[in-house]
N, C-alpha and C. Protein backbone atom coordinates (compact mmCIF):
# COMPACT_ATOMS: atom_id res chain seq x y z
N UNK A 1 90.30 112.58 104.84
CA UNK A 1 91.49 113.42 104.91
C UNK A 1 91.18 114.78 104.29
N UNK A 2 91.67 115.79 104.95
CA UNK A 2 91.57 117.14 104.40
C UNK A 2 92.93 117.52 103.83
N UNK A 3 92.92 118.01 102.60
CA UNK A 3 94.13 118.48 101.94
C UNK A 3 93.95 119.96 101.65
N UNK A 4 94.90 120.75 102.11
CA UNK A 4 94.89 122.19 101.83
C UNK A 4 96.11 122.52 100.97
N UNK A 5 95.87 123.26 99.91
CA UNK A 5 96.94 123.83 99.12
C UNK A 5 97.00 125.30 99.53
N UNK A 6 98.07 125.66 100.20
CA UNK A 6 98.27 127.02 100.71
C UNK A 6 99.35 127.65 99.85
N UNK A 7 98.98 128.73 99.16
CA UNK A 7 99.88 129.25 98.14
C UNK A 7 99.91 130.78 98.13
N UNK A 8 101.04 131.29 97.67
CA UNK A 8 101.22 132.73 97.52
C UNK A 8 100.81 133.11 96.11
N UNK A 9 99.97 134.12 95.99
CA UNK A 9 99.60 134.66 94.68
C UNK A 9 98.33 134.06 94.11
N UNK A 10 97.77 134.77 93.17
CA UNK A 10 96.53 134.36 92.51
C UNK A 10 96.85 133.83 91.13
N UNK A 11 95.93 133.00 90.63
CA UNK A 11 96.05 132.49 89.27
C UNK A 11 95.31 133.45 88.34
N UNK A 12 95.98 133.89 87.29
CA UNK A 12 95.36 134.81 86.35
C UNK A 12 95.00 134.14 85.03
N UNK A 13 95.78 133.14 84.62
CA UNK A 13 95.61 132.51 83.33
C UNK A 13 94.44 131.53 83.34
N UNK A 14 93.55 131.64 82.34
CA UNK A 14 92.37 130.80 82.26
C UNK A 14 92.71 129.32 82.15
N UNK A 15 93.71 128.99 81.34
CA UNK A 15 94.04 127.58 81.16
C UNK A 15 94.51 126.93 82.47
N UNK A 16 95.19 127.68 83.32
CA UNK A 16 95.60 127.15 84.63
C UNK A 16 94.40 127.03 85.56
N UNK A 17 93.52 128.03 85.53
CA UNK A 17 92.29 127.96 86.33
C UNK A 17 91.46 126.75 85.95
N UNK A 18 91.36 126.47 84.64
CA UNK A 18 90.59 125.32 84.16
C UNK A 18 91.19 124.01 84.65
N UNK A 19 92.51 123.90 84.58
CA UNK A 19 93.17 122.68 85.04
C UNK A 19 93.00 122.49 86.55
N UNK A 20 93.12 123.56 87.30
CA UNK A 20 92.93 123.50 88.75
C UNK A 20 91.50 123.07 89.07
N UNK A 21 90.54 123.63 88.36
CA UNK A 21 89.13 123.27 88.57
C UNK A 21 88.89 121.79 88.26
N UNK A 22 89.50 121.30 87.19
CA UNK A 22 89.32 119.90 86.81
C UNK A 22 89.89 118.95 87.87
N UNK A 23 91.11 119.18 88.32
CA UNK A 23 91.67 118.30 89.34
C UNK A 23 90.98 118.46 90.69
N UNK A 24 90.53 119.65 91.00
CA UNK A 24 89.77 119.86 92.24
C UNK A 24 88.49 119.05 92.22
N UNK A 25 87.81 119.04 91.07
CA UNK A 25 86.59 118.25 90.92
C UNK A 25 86.88 116.77 91.07
N UNK A 26 87.92 116.29 90.42
CA UNK A 26 88.28 114.86 90.51
C UNK A 26 88.63 114.45 91.94
N UNK A 27 89.25 115.34 92.69
CA UNK A 27 89.68 115.01 94.04
C UNK A 27 88.55 114.92 95.05
N UNK A 28 87.38 115.48 94.72
CA UNK A 28 86.26 115.42 95.67
C UNK A 28 85.87 113.98 96.02
N UNK A 29 86.19 113.06 95.16
CA UNK A 29 85.90 111.63 95.40
C UNK A 29 86.80 111.06 96.51
N UNK A 30 87.96 111.68 96.72
CA UNK A 30 88.97 111.10 97.61
C UNK A 30 89.25 111.86 98.90
N UNK A 31 89.08 113.17 98.87
CA UNK A 31 89.45 113.97 100.03
C UNK A 31 88.64 115.28 100.03
N UNK A 32 88.75 115.98 101.14
CA UNK A 32 88.18 117.33 101.23
C UNK A 32 89.32 118.29 100.87
N UNK A 33 89.16 118.96 99.72
CA UNK A 33 90.22 119.84 99.22
C UNK A 33 89.87 121.30 99.47
N UNK A 34 90.89 122.04 99.87
CA UNK A 34 90.75 123.48 100.10
C UNK A 34 91.98 124.14 99.48
N UNK A 35 91.75 125.23 98.76
CA UNK A 35 92.86 126.00 98.19
C UNK A 35 92.78 127.40 98.78
N UNK A 36 93.87 127.81 99.41
CA UNK A 36 93.93 129.14 100.03
C UNK A 36 95.06 129.92 99.38
N UNK A 37 94.72 131.10 98.89
CA UNK A 37 95.70 131.99 98.28
C UNK A 37 95.94 133.17 99.22
N UNK A 38 97.21 133.49 99.43
CA UNK A 38 97.53 134.71 100.17
C UNK A 38 98.18 135.69 99.19
N UNK A 39 98.10 136.95 99.50
CA UNK A 39 98.64 137.98 98.61
C UNK A 39 100.15 137.87 98.51
N UNK A 40 100.65 138.14 97.32
CA UNK A 40 102.10 138.16 97.13
C UNK A 40 102.59 139.60 97.18
N UNK A 41 103.87 139.75 97.42
CA UNK A 41 104.52 141.06 97.45
C UNK A 41 105.17 141.31 96.10
N UNK A 42 105.18 142.53 95.68
CA UNK A 42 105.92 142.89 94.46
C UNK A 42 107.40 142.77 94.75
N UNK A 43 108.11 142.09 93.85
CA UNK A 43 109.56 141.94 93.99
C UNK A 43 110.23 142.81 92.94
N UNK A 44 110.96 143.81 93.36
CA UNK A 44 111.65 144.66 92.38
C UNK A 44 112.74 143.88 91.65
N UNK A 45 112.99 144.27 90.41
CA UNK A 45 114.09 143.66 89.66
C UNK A 45 115.40 143.91 90.41
N UNK A 46 116.26 142.92 90.41
CA UNK A 46 117.56 143.00 91.09
C UNK A 46 117.43 143.41 92.55
N UNK A 47 116.42 142.84 93.22
CA UNK A 47 116.24 143.14 94.64
C UNK A 47 117.41 142.56 95.43
N UNK A 48 117.81 143.26 96.46
CA UNK A 48 118.90 142.77 97.31
C UNK A 48 118.40 141.58 98.14
N UNK A 49 119.33 140.85 98.73
CA UNK A 49 118.95 139.70 99.58
C UNK A 49 118.12 140.18 100.77
N UNK A 50 118.43 141.35 101.30
CA UNK A 50 117.68 141.91 102.43
C UNK A 50 116.23 142.17 102.01
N UNK A 51 116.04 142.77 100.84
CA UNK A 51 114.69 143.05 100.34
C UNK A 51 113.94 141.74 100.11
N UNK A 52 114.61 140.76 99.49
CA UNK A 52 113.96 139.48 99.23
C UNK A 52 113.59 138.77 100.53
N UNK A 53 114.46 138.82 101.52
CA UNK A 53 114.17 138.19 102.82
C UNK A 53 112.97 138.87 103.47
N UNK A 54 112.88 140.18 103.35
CA UNK A 54 111.75 140.91 103.90
C UNK A 54 110.45 140.50 103.21
N UNK A 55 110.49 140.32 101.91
CA UNK A 55 109.32 139.88 101.14
C UNK A 55 108.90 138.48 101.57
N UNK A 56 109.89 137.56 101.69
CA UNK A 56 109.56 136.19 102.13
C UNK A 56 108.96 136.19 103.53
N UNK A 57 109.47 137.08 104.41
CA UNK A 57 108.94 137.16 105.77
C UNK A 57 107.49 137.62 105.77
N UNK A 58 107.18 138.65 104.97
CA UNK A 58 105.80 139.17 104.92
C UNK A 58 104.84 138.11 104.35
N UNK A 59 105.27 137.45 103.25
CA UNK A 59 104.43 136.41 102.67
C UNK A 59 104.29 135.23 103.65
N UNK A 60 105.37 134.93 104.36
CA UNK A 60 105.35 133.85 105.35
C UNK A 60 104.39 134.12 106.48
N UNK A 61 104.32 135.36 106.95
CA UNK A 61 103.35 135.71 108.00
C UNK A 61 101.93 135.44 107.53
N UNK A 62 101.65 135.77 106.30
CA UNK A 62 100.31 135.52 105.74
C UNK A 62 100.02 134.03 105.68
N UNK A 63 101.02 133.25 105.25
CA UNK A 63 100.84 131.80 105.16
C UNK A 63 100.61 131.17 106.53
N UNK A 64 101.43 131.56 107.49
CA UNK A 64 101.36 130.95 108.82
C UNK A 64 100.02 131.15 109.51
N UNK A 65 99.29 132.20 109.16
CA UNK A 65 97.96 132.44 109.74
C UNK A 65 97.00 131.30 109.43
N UNK A 66 97.26 130.55 108.36
CA UNK A 66 96.35 129.49 107.93
C UNK A 66 96.83 128.10 108.33
N UNK A 67 97.97 128.00 109.00
CA UNK A 67 98.50 126.69 109.37
C UNK A 67 98.09 126.38 110.81
N UNK A 68 97.25 125.38 110.93
CA UNK A 68 96.75 124.95 112.25
C UNK A 68 97.82 124.09 112.93
N UNK A 69 97.77 124.09 114.24
CA UNK A 69 98.76 123.36 115.05
C UNK A 69 98.81 121.88 114.72
N UNK A 70 97.65 121.26 114.49
CA UNK A 70 97.60 119.80 114.30
C UNK A 70 97.80 119.38 112.84
N UNK A 71 98.02 120.32 111.95
CA UNK A 71 98.20 119.97 110.52
C UNK A 71 99.61 119.47 110.27
N UNK A 72 99.72 118.57 109.31
CA UNK A 72 101.02 118.10 108.83
C UNK A 72 101.37 118.97 107.63
N UNK A 73 102.50 119.67 107.70
CA UNK A 73 102.85 120.65 106.69
C UNK A 73 103.96 120.11 105.78
N UNK A 74 103.65 120.11 104.47
CA UNK A 74 104.62 119.72 103.46
C UNK A 74 104.93 120.96 102.61
N UNK A 75 106.17 121.43 102.70
CA UNK A 75 106.57 122.59 101.90
C UNK A 75 107.22 122.11 100.61
N UNK A 76 106.93 122.82 99.53
CA UNK A 76 107.54 122.52 98.25
C UNK A 76 108.80 123.35 98.13
N UNK A 77 109.95 122.64 98.05
CA UNK A 77 111.26 123.28 98.05
C UNK A 77 112.16 122.60 97.04
N UNK A 78 112.94 123.36 96.33
CA UNK A 78 113.89 122.78 95.37
C UNK A 78 114.83 121.82 96.07
N UNK A 79 115.24 122.14 97.29
CA UNK A 79 116.18 121.30 98.05
C UNK A 79 115.48 120.20 98.85
N UNK A 80 114.17 120.05 98.68
CA UNK A 80 113.44 119.01 99.38
C UNK A 80 113.73 117.63 98.85
N UNK A 81 113.04 116.62 99.39
CA UNK A 81 113.23 115.24 98.98
C UNK A 81 112.48 114.96 97.69
N UNK A 82 113.18 114.32 96.76
CA UNK A 82 112.55 113.91 95.50
C UNK A 82 111.90 112.54 95.72
N UNK A 83 110.61 112.43 95.40
CA UNK A 83 109.87 111.18 95.55
C UNK A 83 109.26 110.77 94.22
N UNK A 84 109.04 109.48 94.05
CA UNK A 84 108.22 109.02 92.93
C UNK A 84 106.77 109.22 93.31
N UNK A 85 105.87 109.10 92.34
CA UNK A 85 104.44 109.21 92.65
C UNK A 85 104.03 108.12 93.63
N UNK A 86 104.59 106.92 93.47
CA UNK A 86 104.27 105.83 94.38
C UNK A 86 104.73 106.13 95.80
N UNK A 87 105.92 106.71 95.93
CA UNK A 87 106.42 107.06 97.26
C UNK A 87 105.59 108.16 97.91
N UNK A 88 105.16 109.14 97.13
CA UNK A 88 104.31 110.19 97.69
C UNK A 88 102.97 109.62 98.11
N UNK A 89 102.41 108.70 97.32
CA UNK A 89 101.14 108.10 97.70
C UNK A 89 101.30 107.29 98.98
N UNK A 90 102.42 106.58 99.15
CA UNK A 90 102.66 105.84 100.39
C UNK A 90 102.76 106.80 101.58
N UNK A 91 103.41 107.94 101.36
CA UNK A 91 103.53 108.93 102.44
C UNK A 91 102.16 109.45 102.86
N UNK A 92 101.33 109.82 101.90
CA UNK A 92 100.00 110.32 102.20
C UNK A 92 99.17 109.24 102.90
N UNK A 93 99.24 108.01 102.37
CA UNK A 93 98.49 106.91 102.96
C UNK A 93 98.96 106.65 104.40
N UNK A 94 100.27 106.62 104.62
CA UNK A 94 100.81 106.36 105.94
C UNK A 94 100.44 107.45 106.93
N UNK A 95 100.44 108.70 106.48
CA UNK A 95 100.01 109.80 107.36
C UNK A 95 98.57 109.57 107.83
N UNK A 96 97.70 109.16 106.90
CA UNK A 96 96.32 108.89 107.28
C UNK A 96 96.21 107.73 108.25
N UNK A 97 96.96 106.66 108.00
CA UNK A 97 96.95 105.50 108.89
C UNK A 97 97.42 105.88 110.30
N UNK A 98 98.40 106.78 110.36
CA UNK A 98 98.94 107.22 111.65
C UNK A 98 98.09 108.29 112.34
N UNK A 99 96.95 108.63 111.75
CA UNK A 99 96.01 109.53 112.41
C UNK A 99 96.05 110.98 111.97
N UNK A 100 96.85 111.30 110.98
CA UNK A 100 96.85 112.67 110.45
C UNK A 100 95.57 112.88 109.67
N UNK A 101 94.84 113.93 109.99
CA UNK A 101 93.59 114.19 109.27
C UNK A 101 93.67 115.42 108.38
N UNK A 102 94.79 116.15 108.45
CA UNK A 102 94.90 117.38 107.66
C UNK A 102 96.35 117.54 107.18
N UNK A 103 96.52 117.57 105.88
CA UNK A 103 97.83 117.83 105.27
C UNK A 103 97.75 119.18 104.55
N UNK A 104 98.73 120.02 104.81
CA UNK A 104 98.81 121.32 104.13
C UNK A 104 100.08 121.30 103.26
N UNK A 105 99.87 121.47 101.95
CA UNK A 105 100.98 121.65 101.02
C UNK A 105 101.18 123.15 100.85
N UNK A 106 102.40 123.63 101.01
CA UNK A 106 102.67 125.07 100.92
C UNK A 106 103.55 125.35 99.70
N UNK A 107 103.04 126.22 98.83
CA UNK A 107 103.76 126.68 97.65
C UNK A 107 104.11 128.16 97.86
N UNK A 108 105.39 128.47 97.83
CA UNK A 108 105.82 129.84 98.03
C UNK A 108 105.63 130.70 96.80
N UNK A 109 106.00 131.93 96.93
CA UNK A 109 105.91 132.88 95.82
C UNK A 109 107.12 132.74 94.90
N UNK A 110 107.32 133.73 94.08
CA UNK A 110 108.35 133.65 93.04
C UNK A 110 109.78 133.59 93.61
N UNK A 111 109.97 134.02 94.85
CA UNK A 111 111.33 133.95 95.43
C UNK A 111 111.40 132.95 96.59
N UNK A 112 110.40 132.11 96.71
CA UNK A 112 110.48 131.04 97.71
C UNK A 112 109.80 131.34 99.02
N UNK A 113 110.07 130.49 99.99
CA UNK A 113 109.43 130.55 101.31
C UNK A 113 110.36 131.16 102.35
N UNK A 114 109.77 131.86 103.31
CA UNK A 114 110.53 132.45 104.40
C UNK A 114 110.96 131.42 105.44
N UNK A 115 111.94 131.79 106.25
CA UNK A 115 112.49 130.90 107.27
C UNK A 115 111.43 130.39 108.24
N UNK A 116 110.51 131.25 108.64
CA UNK A 116 109.49 130.85 109.61
C UNK A 116 108.62 129.73 109.09
N UNK A 117 108.27 129.80 107.80
CA UNK A 117 107.45 128.75 107.19
C UNK A 117 108.28 127.46 107.08
N UNK A 118 109.53 127.59 106.67
CA UNK A 118 110.39 126.42 106.55
C UNK A 118 110.58 125.73 107.90
N UNK A 119 110.66 126.49 108.97
CA UNK A 119 110.80 125.92 110.32
C UNK A 119 109.53 125.18 110.75
N UNK A 120 108.39 125.64 110.29
CA UNK A 120 107.11 124.99 110.65
C UNK A 120 106.87 123.72 109.85
N UNK A 121 107.56 123.57 108.75
CA UNK A 121 107.38 122.43 107.85
C UNK A 121 107.72 121.11 108.54
N UNK A 122 106.88 120.11 108.31
CA UNK A 122 107.16 118.75 108.77
C UNK A 122 107.95 117.96 107.73
N UNK A 123 107.84 118.37 106.46
CA UNK A 123 108.47 117.61 105.38
C UNK A 123 108.73 118.54 104.21
N UNK A 124 109.93 118.51 103.68
CA UNK A 124 110.30 119.30 102.50
C UNK A 124 110.26 118.40 101.28
N UNK A 125 109.42 118.74 100.33
CA UNK A 125 109.23 117.94 99.12
C UNK A 125 109.68 118.71 97.90
N UNK A 126 110.42 118.04 97.02
CA UNK A 126 110.83 118.65 95.76
C UNK A 126 110.23 117.87 94.60
N UNK A 127 109.78 118.57 93.61
CA UNK A 127 109.26 117.94 92.40
C UNK A 127 110.34 117.86 91.34
N UNK A 128 111.41 118.64 91.49
CA UNK A 128 112.45 118.65 90.49
C UNK A 128 113.56 119.58 90.97
N UNK A 129 114.74 119.42 90.39
CA UNK A 129 115.80 120.39 90.65
C UNK A 129 115.58 121.66 89.83
N UNK A 130 114.64 121.58 88.89
CA UNK A 130 114.30 122.76 88.09
C UNK A 130 113.31 123.66 88.85
N UNK A 131 113.24 124.90 88.45
CA UNK A 131 112.30 125.85 89.04
C UNK A 131 111.09 125.95 88.12
N UNK A 132 109.89 125.90 88.72
CA UNK A 132 108.64 126.05 87.97
C UNK A 132 107.92 127.31 88.45
N UNK A 133 107.15 127.95 87.58
CA UNK A 133 106.31 129.07 88.05
C UNK A 133 105.36 128.56 89.14
N UNK A 134 105.18 129.33 90.19
CA UNK A 134 104.35 128.84 91.30
C UNK A 134 102.91 128.60 90.86
N UNK A 135 102.43 129.33 89.84
CA UNK A 135 101.07 129.10 89.37
C UNK A 135 100.96 127.72 88.70
N UNK A 136 101.94 127.36 87.89
CA UNK A 136 101.94 126.04 87.24
C UNK A 136 102.17 124.94 88.27
N UNK A 137 102.95 125.22 89.28
CA UNK A 137 103.23 124.22 90.32
C UNK A 137 101.94 123.77 91.01
N UNK A 138 100.98 124.67 91.11
CA UNK A 138 99.71 124.31 91.74
C UNK A 138 99.01 123.21 90.94
N UNK A 139 99.02 123.33 89.61
CA UNK A 139 98.41 122.32 88.75
C UNK A 139 99.18 121.00 88.88
N UNK A 140 100.49 121.06 88.84
CA UNK A 140 101.31 119.85 88.95
C UNK A 140 101.06 119.15 90.28
N UNK A 141 101.01 119.92 91.36
CA UNK A 141 100.75 119.35 92.68
C UNK A 141 99.37 118.69 92.75
N UNK A 142 98.35 119.37 92.25
CA UNK A 142 97.01 118.78 92.27
C UNK A 142 96.95 117.49 91.47
N UNK A 143 97.62 117.47 90.31
CA UNK A 143 97.64 116.26 89.50
C UNK A 143 98.31 115.12 90.27
N UNK A 144 99.38 115.41 90.96
CA UNK A 144 100.09 114.38 91.71
C UNK A 144 99.28 113.89 92.92
N UNK A 145 98.58 114.78 93.59
CA UNK A 145 97.71 114.35 94.70
C UNK A 145 96.61 113.43 94.16
N UNK A 146 96.03 113.80 93.03
CA UNK A 146 95.02 112.96 92.40
C UNK A 146 95.62 111.59 92.05
N UNK A 147 96.78 111.60 91.46
CA UNK A 147 97.47 110.35 91.09
C UNK A 147 97.73 109.51 92.36
N UNK A 148 98.14 110.15 93.44
CA UNK A 148 98.38 109.44 94.70
C UNK A 148 97.14 108.70 95.16
N UNK A 149 96.01 109.38 95.14
CA UNK A 149 94.78 108.74 95.61
C UNK A 149 94.38 107.60 94.67
N UNK A 150 94.61 107.74 93.38
CA UNK A 150 94.34 106.64 92.45
C UNK A 150 95.22 105.43 92.80
N UNK A 151 96.47 105.68 93.12
CA UNK A 151 97.40 104.61 93.50
C UNK A 151 96.94 103.96 94.80
N UNK A 152 96.62 104.79 95.81
CA UNK A 152 96.18 104.28 97.12
C UNK A 152 94.95 103.37 96.96
N UNK A 153 94.02 103.78 96.09
CA UNK A 153 92.78 103.02 95.89
C UNK A 153 92.96 101.83 94.95
N UNK A 154 94.16 101.67 94.40
CA UNK A 154 94.39 100.57 93.47
C UNK A 154 93.71 100.78 92.11
N UNK A 155 93.44 102.04 91.80
CA UNK A 155 92.79 102.36 90.53
C UNK A 155 93.85 102.61 89.45
N UNK A 156 93.48 102.42 88.19
CA UNK A 156 94.48 102.62 87.12
C UNK A 156 94.90 104.10 87.00
N UNK A 157 96.13 104.28 86.59
CA UNK A 157 96.68 105.62 86.34
C UNK A 157 97.78 105.46 85.31
N UNK A 158 98.10 106.53 84.64
CA UNK A 158 99.15 106.49 83.62
C UNK A 158 100.53 106.50 84.26
N UNK A 159 101.38 105.62 83.79
CA UNK A 159 102.75 105.54 84.32
C UNK A 159 103.70 106.26 83.43
């Protein structure tokens, strides 16, 4: 299985880069991992809805360039479905059993994902009703993907 993390913005903080590197290394045992970053747009303070929609559209165009037709796309959205780690592992496992060879997880920028990306999504996933910085969300997502593969393989993991 190929897993792509498609995200808006770059990671600047060393501690986040270190965590991403650690989980990326761990995941090599289970899948082919790819992380793609697209440029983010500057969002002015107190931007109007029109300005924010324009920013989401521009970032969305960049994201969509990397989404292949045959990929299964999971967008991270506050309003998405809340799953346990076990349920997410079952979803990933079932996708593989059903012949999906490429899953793309999409993390939007600081103001979320544009309509075009949301329309392309096969599944909306939420990690919480709370909002997390998109840079930190990358670490959380990688940890959960790693945990999913540990569950699928019947290997021990922390509950």
